[in-house]
């Protein structure tokens, strides 16, 4: 079974299939908007759902390395870049929906809103942290920066995940609804906790392969 999974992950169709799967949330949102299935407040639904998919994308991207270690399916690594770029894509959609549907692309209004509301500032900061990660996600950038500096830069994804989680927490706090947030917090807690253990565990207790 493990050999079959590895073969499927290495198959030339693996990336096109993942690409199509990552576009499904966008396809559903476009269909729902056209079919008037986004509820009483379509603008709010689009803003929130694109934000949800950004947070889910962060969870999936951060899950790749632990899954590689736990399952031995190291071919999973070839899917991480695409997941990361789609996470940034949905983050851009989230920010665009907010800027357009909530603020009418009024730059001065957007700037004041970011400065005035902490949860917007935190979300905007999370998006800003993703910009250099997406811009340097290609092989040419790795060669230009060098592997060590590139890895140091891309550790900013941990800060992005925590800021996104805080952004989601503050958004839910207005309605005292933390059930969904608790799921994301638990998932990210496991993923980031595992990385912290890898970084600080005594060398004799670490698994053989580095994260």
N, C-alpha and C. Protein backbone atom coordinates (compact mmCIF):
# COMPACT_ATOMS: atom_id res chain seq x y z
N UNK A 1 0.83 -1.21 0.00
CA UNK A 1 0.00 0.00 0.00
C UNK A 1 0.86 1.26 0.00
N UNK A 2 1.94 1.23 0.80
CA UNK A 2 2.85 2.38 0.85
C UNK A 2 3.50 2.63 -0.51
N UNK A 3 3.89 1.54 -1.18
CA UNK A 3 4.50 1.67 -2.50
C UNK A 3 3.51 2.25 -3.49
N UNK A 4 2.25 1.86 -3.39
CA UNK A 4 1.22 2.38 -4.28
C UNK A 4 1.02 3.88 -4.06
N UNK A 5 0.97 4.28 -2.79
CA UNK A 5 0.81 5.71 -2.48
C UNK A 5 1.98 6.51 -3.01
N UNK A 6 3.19 5.99 -2.85
CA UNK A 6 4.37 6.67 -3.36
C UNK A 6 4.31 6.80 -4.87
N UNK A 7 3.87 5.73 -5.54
CA UNK A 7 3.74 5.77 -6.99
C UNK A 7 2.73 6.81 -7.43
N UNK A 8 1.62 6.90 -6.72
CA UNK A 8 0.60 7.88 -7.06
C UNK A 8 1.11 9.31 -6.86
N UNK A 9 1.86 9.53 -5.79
CA UNK A 9 2.39 10.86 -5.51
C UNK A 9 3.43 11.29 -6.54
N UNK A 10 4.16 10.32 -7.09
CA UNK A 10 5.19 10.61 -8.08
C UNK A 10 4.65 10.62 -9.50
N UNK A 11 3.40 10.24 -9.67
CA UNK A 11 2.80 10.18 -11.01
C UNK A 11 2.73 11.59 -11.59
N UNK A 12 2.97 11.74 -12.91
CA UNK A 12 2.89 13.08 -13.53
C UNK A 12 1.55 13.77 -13.35
N UNK A 13 0.48 12.98 -13.13
CA UNK A 13 -0.85 13.58 -12.97
C UNK A 13 -1.10 14.09 -11.56
N UNK A 14 -0.19 13.81 -10.61
CA UNK A 14 -0.44 14.18 -9.22
C UNK A 14 -0.60 15.69 -9.05
N UNK A 15 0.29 16.44 -9.66
CA UNK A 15 0.22 17.90 -9.52
C UNK A 15 -0.99 18.49 -10.24
N UNK A 16 -1.30 18.08 -11.48
CA UNK A 16 -2.54 18.59 -12.10
C UNK A 16 -3.79 18.27 -11.30
N UNK A 17 -3.84 17.09 -10.69
CA UNK A 17 -5.00 16.73 -9.87
C UNK A 17 -5.08 17.63 -8.65
N UNK A 18 -3.94 17.87 -8.00
CA UNK A 18 -3.93 18.76 -6.85
C UNK A 18 -4.32 20.18 -7.25
N UNK A 19 -3.85 20.63 -8.40
CA UNK A 19 -4.20 21.96 -8.91
C UNK A 19 -5.72 22.08 -9.06
N UNK A 20 -6.34 21.06 -9.66
CA UNK A 20 -7.80 21.08 -9.85
C UNK A 20 -8.52 21.06 -8.51
N UNK A 21 -8.03 20.25 -7.57
CA UNK A 21 -8.67 20.19 -6.25
C UNK A 21 -8.58 21.53 -5.53
N UNK A 22 -7.45 22.20 -5.67
CA UNK A 22 -7.28 23.49 -5.00
C UNK A 22 -8.18 24.58 -5.59
N UNK A 23 -8.61 24.39 -6.84
CA UNK A 23 -9.50 25.36 -7.47
C UNK A 23 -10.97 25.10 -7.15
N UNK A 24 -11.27 23.94 -6.58
CA UNK A 24 -12.67 23.60 -6.30
C UNK A 24 -13.35 24.60 -5.36
N UNK A 25 -12.71 25.05 -4.27
CA UNK A 25 -13.37 26.04 -3.41
C UNK A 25 -13.73 27.32 -4.16
N UNK A 26 -12.83 27.78 -5.03
CA UNK A 26 -13.12 28.98 -5.82
C UNK A 26 -14.28 28.72 -6.77
N UNK A 27 -14.28 27.56 -7.41
CA UNK A 27 -15.36 27.23 -8.34
C UNK A 27 -16.70 27.22 -7.61
N UNK A 28 -16.71 26.65 -6.39
CA UNK A 28 -17.96 26.62 -5.62
C UNK A 28 -18.41 28.02 -5.24
N UNK A 29 -17.48 28.87 -4.84
CA UNK A 29 -17.85 30.23 -4.45
C UNK A 29 -18.39 31.02 -5.64
N UNK A 30 -17.79 30.85 -6.80
CA UNK A 30 -18.28 31.53 -8.00
C UNK A 30 -19.69 31.03 -8.34
N UNK A 31 -19.87 29.71 -8.30
CA UNK A 31 -21.20 29.14 -8.58
C UNK A 31 -22.22 29.65 -7.57
N UNK A 32 -21.86 29.63 -6.28
CA UNK A 32 -22.80 30.05 -5.23
C UNK A 32 -23.16 31.53 -5.39
N UNK A 33 -22.19 32.34 -5.80
CA UNK A 33 -22.47 33.77 -6.01
C UNK A 33 -23.43 33.96 -7.18
N UNK A 34 -23.19 33.24 -8.27
CA UNK A 34 -24.05 33.36 -9.45
C UNK A 34 -25.45 32.82 -9.16
N UNK A 35 -25.52 31.72 -8.41
CA UNK A 35 -26.80 31.08 -8.12
C UNK A 35 -27.49 31.68 -6.89
N UNK A 36 -26.91 32.73 -6.33
CA UNK A 36 -27.49 33.41 -5.15
C UNK A 36 -27.66 32.45 -3.99
N UNK A 37 -26.60 31.68 -3.70
CA UNK A 37 -26.65 30.71 -2.62
C UNK A 37 -25.69 31.07 -1.47
N UNK A 38 -25.33 32.32 -1.36
CA UNK A 38 -24.39 32.75 -0.32
C UNK A 38 -25.09 33.34 0.91
N UNK A 39 -26.41 33.22 0.95
CA UNK A 39 -27.14 33.70 2.12
C UNK A 39 -27.56 35.15 2.02
N UNK A 40 -27.97 35.68 3.15
CA UNK A 40 -28.53 37.04 3.17
C UNK A 40 -27.47 38.11 2.96
N UNK A 41 -26.21 37.79 3.26
CA UNK A 41 -25.13 38.76 3.11
C UNK A 41 -24.01 38.14 2.27
N UNK A 42 -24.15 38.16 0.94
CA UNK A 42 -23.16 37.51 0.08
C UNK A 42 -21.75 38.07 0.24
N UNK A 43 -21.63 39.38 0.44
CA UNK A 43 -20.31 39.99 0.59
C UNK A 43 -19.58 39.42 1.81
N UNK A 44 -20.28 39.36 2.93
CA UNK A 44 -19.68 38.81 4.14
C UNK A 44 -19.32 37.33 3.95
N UNK A 45 -20.19 36.60 3.26
CA UNK A 45 -19.93 35.18 3.02
C UNK A 45 -18.66 34.98 2.20
N UNK A 46 -18.48 35.79 1.16
CA UNK A 46 -17.28 35.67 0.33
C UNK A 46 -16.02 36.03 1.11
N UNK A 47 -16.10 37.07 1.91
CA UNK A 47 -14.94 37.47 2.71
C UNK A 47 -14.56 36.36 3.69
N UNK A 48 -15.55 35.84 4.37
CA UNK A 48 -15.26 34.84 5.40
C UNK A 48 -14.82 33.51 4.80
N UNK A 49 -15.45 33.10 3.72
CA UNK A 49 -15.11 31.79 3.17
C UNK A 49 -13.74 31.79 2.50
N UNK A 50 -13.36 32.88 1.86
CA UNK A 50 -12.00 32.95 1.32
C UNK A 50 -10.98 32.96 2.46
N UNK A 51 -11.33 33.60 3.58
CA UNK A 51 -10.46 33.56 4.76
C UNK A 51 -10.36 32.16 5.33
N UNK A 52 -11.49 31.45 5.38
CA UNK A 52 -11.47 30.07 5.86
C UNK A 52 -10.52 29.21 5.03
N UNK A 53 -10.59 29.35 3.71
CA UNK A 53 -9.74 28.53 2.86
C UNK A 53 -8.28 28.91 2.95
N UNK A 54 -8.00 30.16 3.28
CA UNK A 54 -6.62 30.55 3.52
C UNK A 54 -6.07 29.84 4.75
N UNK A 55 -6.85 29.83 5.83
CA UNK A 55 -6.42 29.16 7.06
C UNK A 55 -6.30 27.65 6.86
N UNK A 56 -7.22 27.07 6.11
CA UNK A 56 -7.13 25.64 5.82
C UNK A 56 -5.89 25.34 4.99
N UNK A 57 -5.59 26.23 4.03
CA UNK A 57 -4.39 26.04 3.22
C UNK A 57 -3.12 26.09 4.05
N UNK A 58 -3.09 26.99 5.03
CA UNK A 58 -1.93 27.06 5.93
C UNK A 58 -1.78 25.75 6.70
N UNK A 59 -2.89 25.22 7.20
CA UNK A 59 -2.84 23.95 7.92
C UNK A 59 -2.33 22.82 7.03
N UNK A 60 -2.82 22.75 5.81
CA UNK A 60 -2.40 21.68 4.90
C UNK A 60 -0.93 21.82 4.53
N UNK A 61 -0.49 23.06 4.28
CA UNK A 61 0.91 23.28 3.91
C UNK A 61 1.83 22.89 5.06
N UNK A 62 1.48 23.29 6.27
CA UNK A 62 2.31 22.96 7.43
C UNK A 62 2.25 21.48 7.78
N UNK A 63 1.22 20.78 7.30
CA UNK A 63 1.09 19.35 7.60
C UNK A 63 2.00 18.49 6.73
N UNK A 64 2.51 19.03 5.63
CA UNK A 64 3.27 18.21 4.70
C UNK A 64 4.50 17.59 5.36
N UNK A 65 5.31 18.40 6.03
CA UNK A 65 6.55 17.87 6.63
C UNK A 65 6.27 16.82 7.70
N UNK A 66 5.36 17.07 8.67
CA UNK A 66 5.07 16.00 9.63
C UNK A 66 4.54 14.73 8.97
N UNK A 67 3.68 14.88 7.97
CA UNK A 67 3.15 13.69 7.29
C UNK A 67 4.25 12.91 6.59
N UNK A 68 5.21 13.64 6.01
CA UNK A 68 6.35 12.95 5.37
C UNK A 68 7.10 12.11 6.40
N UNK A 69 7.31 12.69 7.59
CA UNK A 69 8.07 11.98 8.62
C UNK A 69 7.27 10.82 9.21
N UNK A 70 5.99 11.04 9.42
CA UNK A 70 5.18 10.01 10.07
C UNK A 70 4.86 8.84 9.15
N UNK A 71 4.71 9.12 7.86
CA UNK A 71 4.31 8.07 6.91
C UNK A 71 5.45 7.54 6.07
N UNK A 72 6.57 8.27 6.01
CA UNK A 72 7.67 7.88 5.14
C UNK A 72 7.43 8.20 3.68
N UNK A 73 6.34 8.91 3.38
CA UNK A 73 6.02 9.28 2.00
C UNK A 73 6.70 10.62 1.67
N UNK A 74 7.99 10.56 1.41
CA UNK A 74 8.74 11.79 1.19
C UNK A 74 8.37 12.47 -0.13
N UNK A 75 7.68 11.75 -1.01
CA UNK A 75 7.21 12.36 -2.25
C UNK A 75 6.15 13.44 -2.01
N UNK A 76 5.60 13.48 -0.80
CA UNK A 76 4.64 14.54 -0.47
C UNK A 76 5.26 15.92 -0.61
N UNK A 77 6.57 16.01 -0.44
CA UNK A 77 7.25 17.30 -0.48
C UNK A 77 7.05 18.01 -1.82
N UNK A 78 6.86 17.25 -2.89
CA UNK A 78 6.72 17.88 -4.21
C UNK A 78 5.37 18.60 -4.36
N UNK A 79 4.46 18.40 -3.41
CA UNK A 79 3.16 19.06 -3.46
C UNK A 79 3.10 20.30 -2.58
N UNK A 80 4.11 20.49 -1.73
CA UNK A 80 4.06 21.56 -0.74
C UNK A 80 4.06 22.95 -1.38
N UNK A 81 4.88 23.15 -2.43
CA UNK A 81 4.96 24.47 -3.05
C UNK A 81 3.60 24.88 -3.62
N UNK A 82 2.93 23.95 -4.30
CA UNK A 82 1.63 24.29 -4.88
C UNK A 82 0.61 24.62 -3.80
N UNK A 83 0.61 23.85 -2.72
CA UNK A 83 -0.31 24.14 -1.62
C UNK A 83 -0.02 25.52 -1.02
N UNK A 84 1.26 25.83 -0.87
CA UNK A 84 1.61 27.14 -0.33
C UNK A 84 1.18 28.28 -1.22
N UNK A 85 1.36 28.11 -2.53
CA UNK A 85 0.97 29.17 -3.47
C UNK A 85 -0.54 29.32 -3.53
N UNK A 86 -1.27 28.23 -3.44
CA UNK A 86 -2.73 28.35 -3.41
C UNK A 86 -3.20 28.98 -2.11
N UNK A 87 -2.49 28.73 -1.02
CA UNK A 87 -2.82 29.40 0.24
C UNK A 87 -2.68 30.91 0.07
N UNK A 88 -1.59 31.33 -0.55
CA UNK A 88 -1.39 32.76 -0.82
C UNK A 88 -2.46 33.29 -1.76
N UNK A 89 -2.84 32.50 -2.75
CA UNK A 89 -3.89 32.88 -3.70
C UNK A 89 -5.21 33.15 -2.97
N UNK A 90 -5.59 32.24 -2.07
CA UNK A 90 -6.84 32.45 -1.33
C UNK A 90 -6.70 33.60 -0.33
N UNK A 91 -5.50 33.80 0.20
CA UNK A 91 -5.26 34.97 1.04
C UNK A 91 -5.45 36.27 0.25
N UNK A 92 -4.97 36.28 -0.99
CA UNK A 92 -5.16 37.45 -1.86
C UNK A 92 -6.64 37.66 -2.18
N UNK A 93 -7.36 36.56 -2.43
CA UNK A 93 -8.80 36.67 -2.67
C UNK A 93 -9.51 37.22 -1.44
N UNK A 94 -9.10 36.77 -0.27
CA UNK A 94 -9.70 37.24 0.98
C UNK A 94 -9.48 38.74 1.15
N UNK A 95 -8.27 39.19 0.94
CA UNK A 95 -7.98 40.61 1.07
C UNK A 95 -8.68 41.43 -0.02
N UNK A 96 -8.76 40.87 -1.23
CA UNK A 96 -9.44 41.56 -2.33
C UNK A 96 -10.93 41.69 -2.04
N UNK A 97 -11.54 40.61 -1.54
CA UNK A 97 -12.97 40.66 -1.22
C UNK A 97 -13.24 41.70 -0.13
N UNK A 98 -12.38 41.74 0.88
CA UNK A 98 -12.53 42.75 1.93
C UNK A 98 -12.36 44.16 1.36
N UNK A 99 -11.32 44.36 0.55
CA UNK A 99 -11.05 45.70 0.00
C UNK A 99 -12.15 46.16 -0.94
N UNK A 100 -12.72 45.22 -1.69
CA UNK A 100 -13.72 45.57 -2.70
C UNK A 100 -15.13 45.60 -2.10
N UNK A 101 -15.54 44.48 -1.51
CA UNK A 101 -16.93 44.35 -1.09
C UNK A 101 -17.22 45.08 0.21
N UNK A 102 -16.21 45.25 1.06
CA UNK A 102 -16.42 45.90 2.34
C UNK A 102 -15.99 47.36 2.33
N UNK A 103 -14.96 47.68 1.51
CA UNK A 103 -14.40 49.03 1.54
C UNK A 103 -14.44 49.74 0.19
N UNK A 104 -14.96 49.09 -0.83
CA UNK A 104 -15.12 49.73 -2.14
C UNK A 104 -13.82 50.18 -2.79
N UNK A 105 -12.71 49.50 -2.46
CA UNK A 105 -11.39 49.84 -3.00
C UNK A 105 -10.97 51.28 -2.69
N UNK A 106 -11.50 51.85 -1.61
CA UNK A 106 -11.09 53.18 -1.18
C UNK A 106 -9.83 53.04 -0.32
N UNK A 107 -8.67 53.36 -0.89
CA UNK A 107 -7.41 53.08 -0.21
C UNK A 107 -7.28 53.80 1.13
N UNK A 108 -7.74 55.05 1.20
CA UNK A 108 -7.63 55.77 2.47
C UNK A 108 -8.54 55.16 3.53
N UNK A 109 -9.72 54.70 3.10
CA UNK A 109 -10.64 54.04 4.04
C UNK A 109 -10.05 52.71 4.52
N UNK A 110 -9.46 51.96 3.59
CA UNK A 110 -8.83 50.69 3.96
C UNK A 110 -7.71 50.92 4.96
N UNK A 111 -6.86 51.92 4.70
CA UNK A 111 -5.74 52.21 5.59
C UNK A 111 -6.23 52.59 6.99
N UNK A 112 -7.27 53.40 7.06
CA UNK A 112 -7.80 53.79 8.36
C UNK A 112 -8.42 52.60 9.09
N UNK A 113 -9.09 51.73 8.33
CA UNK A 113 -9.73 50.56 8.94
C UNK A 113 -8.68 49.61 9.50
N UNK A 114 -7.59 49.42 8.75
CA UNK A 114 -6.51 48.54 9.22
C UNK A 114 -5.90 49.10 10.50
N UNK A 115 -5.68 50.40 10.53
CA UNK A 115 -5.07 51.03 11.71
C UNK A 115 -6.02 51.04 12.90
N UNK A 116 -7.33 51.08 12.64
CA UNK A 116 -8.31 51.24 13.71
C UNK A 116 -8.71 49.92 14.35
N UNK A 117 -8.82 48.87 13.55
CA UNK A 117 -9.34 47.61 14.07
C UNK A 117 -8.22 46.57 14.18
N UNK A 118 -7.88 46.15 15.41
CA UNK A 118 -6.75 45.24 15.61
C UNK A 118 -6.87 43.93 14.82
N UNK A 119 -8.08 43.36 14.74
CA UNK A 119 -8.18 42.07 14.05
C UNK A 119 -7.94 42.21 12.55
N UNK A 120 -8.27 43.38 11.98
CA UNK A 120 -7.95 43.63 10.58
C UNK A 120 -6.44 43.81 10.42
N UNK A 121 -5.82 44.53 11.36
CA UNK A 121 -4.37 44.73 11.32
C UNK A 121 -3.63 43.40 11.39
N UNK A 122 -4.09 42.52 12.26
CA UNK A 122 -3.44 41.20 12.40
C UNK A 122 -3.60 40.39 11.11
N UNK A 123 -4.80 40.41 10.53
CA UNK A 123 -5.02 39.68 9.28
C UNK A 123 -4.18 40.24 8.14
N UNK A 124 -4.10 41.57 8.08
CA UNK A 124 -3.29 42.20 7.04
C UNK A 124 -1.81 41.87 7.23
N UNK A 125 -1.36 41.82 8.48
CA UNK A 125 0.03 41.46 8.76
C UNK A 125 0.32 40.03 8.33
N UNK A 126 -0.64 39.13 8.55
CA UNK A 126 -0.47 37.74 8.12
C UNK A 126 -0.33 37.67 6.61
N UNK A 127 -1.15 38.44 5.90
CA UNK A 127 -1.06 38.45 4.43
C UNK A 127 0.27 39.03 3.97
N UNK A 128 0.72 40.11 4.61
CA UNK A 128 2.01 40.70 4.24
C UNK A 128 3.16 39.71 4.42
N UNK A 129 3.10 38.90 5.47
CA UNK A 129 4.15 37.90 5.69
C UNK A 129 4.16 36.84 4.59
N UNK A 130 3.00 36.59 3.99
CA UNK A 130 2.94 35.59 2.92
C UNK A 130 3.53 36.09 1.61
N UNK A 131 3.57 37.40 1.42
CA UNK A 131 4.03 37.96 0.14
C UNK A 131 5.46 37.53 -0.18
N UNK A 132 6.45 37.74 0.72
CA UNK A 132 7.81 37.30 0.38
C UNK A 132 7.94 35.78 0.27
N UNK A 133 7.10 35.05 0.98
CA UNK A 133 7.14 33.59 0.89
C UNK A 133 6.72 33.13 -0.50
N UNK A 134 5.64 33.72 -1.01
CA UNK A 134 5.19 33.37 -2.35
C UNK A 134 6.19 33.83 -3.41
N UNK A 135 6.76 35.02 -3.21
CA UNK A 135 7.69 35.58 -4.19
C UNK A 135 8.99 34.78 -4.27
N UNK A 136 9.35 34.09 -3.20
CA UNK A 136 10.61 33.34 -3.19
C UNK A 136 10.37 31.83 -3.14
N UNK A 137 9.25 31.38 -3.65
CA UNK A 137 8.91 29.96 -3.58
C UNK A 137 9.47 29.16 -4.76
N UNK A 138 10.23 29.80 -5.62
CA UNK A 138 10.72 29.14 -6.83
C UNK A 138 12.20 28.79 -6.72
N UNK A 139 12.64 27.84 -7.53
CA UNK A 139 14.01 27.34 -7.45
C UNK A 139 15.04 28.45 -7.65
N UNK A 140 14.75 29.38 -8.54
CA UNK A 140 15.69 30.47 -8.79
C UNK A 140 15.92 31.30 -7.53
N UNK A 141 14.85 31.51 -6.75
CA UNK A 141 14.98 32.27 -5.51
C UNK A 141 15.80 31.50 -4.48
N UNK A 142 15.63 30.18 -4.43
CA UNK A 142 16.42 29.37 -3.50
C UNK A 142 17.91 29.49 -3.84
N UNK A 143 18.24 29.44 -5.13
CA UNK A 143 19.64 29.56 -5.54
C UNK A 143 20.17 30.96 -5.24
N UNK A 144 19.34 31.98 -5.44
CA UNK A 144 19.80 33.36 -5.23
C UNK A 144 20.02 33.64 -3.74
N UNK A 145 19.13 33.14 -2.89
CA UNK A 145 19.23 33.41 -1.45
C UNK A 145 20.20 32.47 -0.75
N UNK A 146 20.33 31.27 -1.30
CA UNK A 146 21.07 30.22 -0.60
C UNK A 146 20.13 29.44 0.29
N UNK A 147 20.34 28.13 0.41
CA UNK A 147 19.39 27.30 1.17
C UNK A 147 19.15 27.75 2.60
N UNK A 148 20.19 28.17 3.33
CA UNK A 148 20.01 28.54 4.73
C UNK A 148 19.18 29.81 4.89
N UNK A 149 19.50 30.85 4.10
CA UNK A 149 18.73 32.08 4.20
C UNK A 149 17.30 31.86 3.72
N UNK A 150 17.15 31.03 2.69
CA UNK A 150 15.81 30.73 2.18
C UNK A 150 14.98 30.04 3.25
N UNK A 151 15.57 29.05 3.93
CA UNK A 151 14.84 28.35 4.99
C UNK A 151 14.50 29.29 6.14
N UNK A 152 15.44 30.18 6.49
CA UNK A 152 15.18 31.13 7.57
C UNK A 152 14.02 32.05 7.21
N UNK A 153 13.99 32.52 5.96
CA UNK A 153 12.89 33.38 5.51
C UNK A 153 11.57 32.63 5.57
N UNK A 154 11.56 31.39 5.13
CA UNK A 154 10.30 30.66 5.04
C UNK A 154 9.80 30.14 6.38
N UNK A 155 10.58 30.31 7.43
CA UNK A 155 10.05 30.03 8.76
C UNK A 155 9.01 31.07 9.16
N UNK A 156 8.92 32.16 8.40
CA UNK A 156 7.88 33.16 8.66
C UNK A 156 6.48 32.58 8.50
N UNK A 157 6.38 31.41 7.86
CA UNK A 157 5.06 30.79 7.71
C UNK A 157 4.47 30.46 9.08
N UNK A 158 5.33 30.20 10.09
CA UNK A 158 4.81 29.92 11.43
C UNK A 158 4.14 31.16 12.01
N UNK A 159 4.79 32.32 11.82
CA UNK A 159 4.18 33.57 12.27
C UNK A 159 2.91 33.88 11.52
N UNK A 160 2.90 33.58 10.23
CA UNK A 160 1.69 33.78 9.42
C UNK A 160 0.53 32.96 9.97
N UNK A 161 0.80 31.70 10.29
CA UNK A 161 -0.25 30.82 10.80
C UNK A 161 -0.79 31.33 12.13
N UNK A 162 0.09 31.77 13.02
CA UNK A 162 -0.36 32.26 14.33
C UNK A 162 -1.15 33.55 14.20
N UNK A 163 -0.70 34.45 13.32
CA UNK A 163 -1.45 35.69 13.11
C UNK A 163 -2.81 35.41 12.48
N UNK A 164 -2.85 34.47 11.53
CA UNK A 164 -4.13 34.11 10.91
C UNK A 164 -5.08 33.52 11.94
N UNK A 165 -4.54 32.70 12.84
CA UNK A 165 -5.37 32.11 13.89
C UNK A 165 -5.90 33.18 14.83
N UNK A 166 -5.07 34.15 15.18
CA UNK A 166 -5.51 35.25 16.04
C UNK A 166 -6.57 36.10 15.34
N UNK A 167 -6.35 36.35 14.05
CA UNK A 167 -7.32 37.09 13.25
C UNK A 167 -8.69 36.40 13.28
N UNK A 168 -8.68 35.08 13.11
CA UNK A 168 -9.92 34.31 13.10
C UNK A 168 -10.56 34.31 14.49
N UNK A 169 -9.73 34.24 15.53
CA UNK A 169 -10.24 34.25 16.90
C UNK A 169 -10.99 35.56 17.18
N UNK A 170 -10.38 36.68 16.85
CA UNK A 170 -11.02 37.97 17.10
C UNK A 170 -12.30 38.13 16.30
N UNK A 171 -12.31 37.59 15.09
CA UNK A 171 -13.51 37.67 14.28
C UNK A 171 -14.65 36.88 14.92
N UNK A 172 -14.33 35.69 15.44
CA UNK A 172 -15.34 34.86 16.08
C UNK A 172 -15.75 35.39 17.45
N UNK A 173 -14.86 36.15 18.09
CA UNK A 173 -15.14 36.63 19.45
C UNK A 173 -16.37 37.51 19.50
N UNK A 174 -16.65 38.21 18.41
CA UNK A 174 -17.82 39.10 18.38
C UNK A 174 -19.12 38.32 18.57
N UNK A 175 -19.12 37.06 18.12
CA UNK A 175 -20.32 36.24 18.23
C UNK A 175 -20.17 35.14 19.28
N UNK A 176 -19.03 35.15 20.00
CA UNK A 176 -18.77 34.15 21.04
C UNK A 176 -18.91 32.73 20.48
N UNK A 177 -18.40 32.54 19.27
CA UNK A 177 -18.48 31.23 18.60
C UNK A 177 -17.06 30.76 18.30
N UNK A 178 -16.55 29.87 19.16
CA UNK A 178 -15.16 29.46 19.04
C UNK A 178 -15.00 27.99 18.64
N UNK A 179 -16.10 27.34 18.28
CA UNK A 179 -16.02 25.91 17.98
C UNK A 179 -15.10 25.64 16.80
N UNK A 180 -15.31 26.33 15.68
CA UNK A 180 -14.48 26.10 14.50
C UNK A 180 -13.05 26.56 14.76
N UNK A 181 -12.91 27.70 15.45
CA UNK A 181 -11.58 28.20 15.77
C UNK A 181 -10.80 27.19 16.59
N UNK A 182 -11.48 26.50 17.50
CA UNK A 182 -10.80 25.53 18.36
C UNK A 182 -10.21 24.39 17.55
N UNK A 183 -10.89 24.00 16.47
CA UNK A 183 -10.37 22.94 15.61
C UNK A 183 -9.07 23.39 14.94
N UNK A 184 -9.08 24.59 14.36
CA UNK A 184 -7.87 25.11 13.73
C UNK A 184 -6.75 25.27 14.75
N UNK A 185 -7.10 25.75 15.95
CA UNK A 185 -6.09 25.94 17.00
C UNK A 185 -5.47 24.60 17.39
N UNK A 186 -6.29 23.56 17.48
CA UNK A 186 -5.77 22.24 17.84
C UNK A 186 -4.84 21.70 16.75
N UNK A 187 -5.27 21.84 15.50
CA UNK A 187 -4.45 21.35 14.37
C UNK A 187 -3.12 22.08 14.32
N UNK A 188 -3.15 23.41 14.38
CA UNK A 188 -1.92 24.19 14.33
C UNK A 188 -1.07 23.95 15.58
N UNK A 189 -1.73 23.72 16.72
CA UNK A 189 -0.98 23.42 17.94
C UNK A 189 -0.16 22.15 17.78
N UNK A 190 -0.76 21.12 17.19
CA UNK A 190 -0.04 19.86 16.95
C UNK A 190 1.11 20.08 15.96
N UNK A 191 0.82 20.76 14.85
CA UNK A 191 1.83 20.94 13.80
C UNK A 191 3.00 21.80 14.27
N UNK A 192 2.71 22.90 14.95
CA UNK A 192 3.78 23.77 15.43
C UNK A 192 4.46 23.17 16.66
N UNK A 193 3.70 22.46 17.50
CA UNK A 193 4.30 21.78 18.64
C UNK A 193 5.29 20.71 18.20
N UNK A 194 4.93 19.99 17.15
CA UNK A 194 5.85 18.98 16.61
C UNK A 194 7.14 19.61 16.12
N UNK A 195 7.04 20.76 15.45
CA UNK A 195 8.24 21.46 14.99
C UNK A 195 9.09 21.95 16.15
N UNK A 196 8.42 22.46 17.18
CA UNK A 196 9.16 22.93 18.36
C UNK A 196 9.90 21.77 19.02
N UNK A 197 9.26 20.62 19.11
CA UNK A 197 9.92 19.45 19.68
C UNK A 197 11.11 19.03 18.84
N UNK A 198 10.95 19.08 17.52
CA UNK A 198 12.06 18.73 16.62
C UNK A 198 13.24 19.67 16.82
N UNK A 199 12.93 20.95 17.08
CA UNK A 199 13.99 21.94 17.20
C UNK A 199 14.72 21.86 18.54
N UNK A 200 14.00 21.49 19.61
CA UNK A 200 14.57 21.59 20.95
C UNK A 200 14.85 20.26 21.63
N UNK A 201 14.35 19.17 21.07
CA UNK A 201 14.60 17.87 21.70
C UNK A 201 16.09 17.55 21.67
N UNK A 202 16.60 16.87 22.71
CA UNK A 202 18.01 16.45 22.69
C UNK A 202 18.31 15.63 21.44
N UNK A 203 19.48 15.82 20.89
CA UNK A 203 19.82 15.19 19.60
C UNK A 203 19.67 13.68 19.65
N UNK A 204 19.91 13.08 20.79
CA UNK A 204 19.80 11.63 20.88
C UNK A 204 18.37 11.15 20.79
N UNK A 205 17.40 12.04 21.05
CA UNK A 205 15.99 11.64 21.02
C UNK A 205 15.32 12.04 19.73
N UNK A 206 16.00 12.81 18.89
CA UNK A 206 15.37 13.24 17.64
C UNK A 206 15.28 12.10 16.65
N UNK A 207 14.22 12.12 15.81
CA UNK A 207 14.20 11.16 14.71
C UNK A 207 15.38 11.42 13.78
N UNK A 208 15.70 10.44 12.97
CA UNK A 208 16.92 10.50 12.17
C UNK A 208 16.91 11.61 11.16
N UNK A 209 15.75 11.93 10.56
CA UNK A 209 15.69 12.91 9.49
C UNK A 209 15.28 14.27 10.04
N UNK A 210 15.86 15.31 9.48
CA UNK A 210 15.51 16.67 9.91
C UNK A 210 14.20 17.09 9.31
N UNK A 211 13.52 18.05 9.96
CA UNK A 211 12.23 18.52 9.45
C UNK A 211 12.44 19.37 8.23
